[in-house]
C-alpha cells in the first residue's frame, strides 16, 4: 500500500508498506526498525514480538516520545503486559497494532508534529 507524501521532506515518513518491507523516505527496509520524524534506527534487534523486552524499549524511551506505536507484524498482537507498565512508568504510552495500521498512524501523528516513535517488527 502506498501512502501520501509527507509535507516536509526533511523528516522521515513511511512512503510504502507491504508485508516484509517498508519504504521510509528513499530507503527500503526488510528488517525490524524504529523511527521518529528525525531519526531512523535500522536493524532494530527485535525480529519477533516474543523477543521484545524492556532493554529494546529503553532505546525508544530515551527519545522521550508521547507514544510508541508498535507494529506487531501483519496481524495485531499484544506484547507481555509488563511492557505496557514499563512505558507507563516513564510517562509514555505504548500502542500496538498491525504494521500497516502503525505506519498510517505514524504518518498522521507526524504531520501533526507529535513526538511519536514508530517501531516495526518485520520478520
Protein backbone atom coordinates (compact mmCIF):
# COMPACT_ATOMS: atom_id res chain seq x y z
CA UNK A 1 0.00 0.00 0.00
CA UNK A 2 1.34 3.43 -0.94
CA UNK A 3 0.95 6.38 1.37
CA UNK A 4 0.50 10.06 0.65
CA UNK A 5 3.53 12.32 0.61
CA UNK A 6 4.60 13.98 3.85
CA UNK A 7 4.68 17.77 3.53
CA UNK A 8 8.22 18.30 4.89
CA UNK A 9 10.98 16.47 3.02
CA UNK A 10 13.36 16.94 5.98
CA UNK A 11 11.52 14.41 8.14
CA UNK A 12 11.12 10.66 7.97
CA UNK A 13 7.79 9.33 6.77
CA UNK A 14 6.54 5.94 5.66
CA UNK A 15 6.11 6.07 1.89
CA UNK A 16 5.03 2.47 1.34
CA UNK A 17 4.37 -0.71 3.29
CA UNK A 18 3.92 -4.27 2.15
CA UNK A 19 4.41 -7.49 4.09
CA UNK A 20 8.11 -7.85 4.88
CA UNK A 21 9.11 -4.43 3.51
CA UNK A 22 8.74 -0.81 4.48
CA UNK A 23 9.87 2.20 2.47
CA UNK A 24 10.88 5.15 4.64
CA UNK A 25 11.68 8.17 2.50
CA UNK A 26 14.05 6.66 -0.09
CA UNK A 27 15.16 3.63 1.97
CA UNK A 28 13.55 0.21 1.63
CA UNK A 29 13.97 -1.92 4.75
CA UNK A 30 13.26 -5.61 5.27
CA UNK A 31 14.24 -5.91 8.96
CA UNK A 32 12.73 -4.53 12.14
CA UNK A 33 13.36 -0.82 12.69
CA UNK A 34 12.15 2.18 14.62
CA UNK A 35 11.96 5.85 13.78
CA UNK A 36 10.88 9.32 14.73
CA UNK A 37 10.39 12.24 12.41
CA UNK A 38 14.13 13.00 12.64
CA UNK A 39 15.84 9.69 13.35
CA UNK A 40 15.81 6.23 11.76
CA UNK A 41 17.26 3.20 13.53
CA UNK A 42 17.68 0.35 11.07
CA UNK A 43 18.20 -3.31 12.02
CA UNK A 44 16.47 -2.98 15.39
CA UNK A 45 17.24 -6.36 17.04
CA UNK A 46 13.61 -7.34 17.61
CA UNK A 47 12.67 -9.93 14.97
CA UNK A 48 9.57 -11.20 16.82
CA UNK A 49 7.10 -9.92 19.38
CA UNK A 50 8.36 -12.53 21.84
CA UNK A 51 11.85 -11.01 21.65
CA UNK A 52 10.61 -7.55 22.74
CA UNK A 53 11.89 -6.59 26.18
CA UNK A 54 12.50 -3.54 28.36
CA UNK A 55 16.05 -3.07 27.06
CA UNK A 56 14.78 -2.79 23.49
CA UNK A 57 12.09 -0.31 24.54
CA UNK A 58 14.60 1.71 26.57
CA UNK A 59 16.26 2.98 23.38
CA UNK A 60 12.93 4.48 22.34
CA UNK A 61 12.11 5.81 25.81
CA UNK A 62 15.39 7.76 25.76
CA UNK A 63 13.89 9.76 22.87
CA UNK A 64 11.07 10.92 25.20
CA UNK A 65 8.12 10.43 22.85
CA UNK A 66 4.48 10.92 23.83
CA UNK A 67 3.70 7.47 22.49
CA UNK A 68 5.38 4.43 20.98
CA UNK A 69 3.42 2.89 18.11
CA UNK A 70 4.39 -0.77 17.98
CA UNK A 71 3.69 -2.54 14.72
CA UNK A 72 3.44 -6.20 15.67
CA UNK A 73 3.65 -7.66 12.17
CA UNK A 74 0.90 -8.49 9.72
CA UNK A 75 -1.63 -9.01 12.48
CA UNK A 76 -2.34 -7.13 15.67
CA UNK A 77 -0.92 -8.84 18.75
CA UNK A 78 -0.06 -7.82 22.29
CA UNK A 79 3.35 -7.98 23.97
CA UNK A 80 3.80 -9.02 27.57
CA UNK A 81 1.70 -6.71 29.73
CA UNK A 82 4.72 -5.75 31.84
CA UNK A 83 5.99 -3.77 28.83
CA UNK A 84 2.90 -1.53 28.93
CA UNK A 85 3.63 -0.85 32.61
CA UNK A 86 7.29 -0.19 31.85
CA UNK A 87 6.39 2.51 29.32
CA UNK A 88 3.69 3.95 31.56
CA UNK A 89 6.17 4.38 34.43
CA UNK A 90 8.16 6.62 32.06
CA UNK A 91 5.06 8.63 31.15
CA UNK A 92 4.94 7.17 27.63
CA UNK A 93 2.03 5.39 26.01
CA UNK A 94 2.52 2.08 24.19
CA UNK A 95 0.00 1.37 21.44
CA UNK A 96 0.05 -1.87 19.48
CA UNK A 97 -1.41 -2.52 16.04
CA UNK A 98 -0.59 -4.25 12.78
CA UNK A 99 2.35 -2.82 10.87
CA UNK A 100 0.21 -1.22 8.19
CA UNK A 101 -2.02 0.49 10.77
CA UNK A 102 1.04 1.64 12.73
CA UNK A 103 2.57 3.16 9.57
CA UNK A 104 -0.61 5.09 8.77
CA UNK A 105 -0.96 6.30 12.35
CA UNK A 106 2.68 7.42 12.48
CA UNK A 107 2.28 9.48 9.31
CA UNK A 108 -0.86 11.17 10.65
CA UNK A 109 0.67 11.97 14.05
CA UNK A 110 3.88 13.19 12.41
CA UNK A 111 2.01 15.68 10.24
CA UNK A 112 0.52 17.00 13.48
CA UNK A 113 4.13 17.41 14.70
CA UNK A 114 3.58 14.99 17.60
CA UNK A 115 6.52 13.32 19.34
CA UNK A 116 5.97 9.73 18.33
CA UNK A 117 8.13 6.66 17.77
CA UNK A 118 7.16 4.03 15.21
CA UNK A 119 8.61 0.58 15.94
CA UNK A 120 8.02 -2.10 13.31
CA UNK A 121 8.60 -5.79 13.87
CA UNK A 122 9.41 -7.22 10.46
CA UNK A 123 10.15 -10.91 10.22
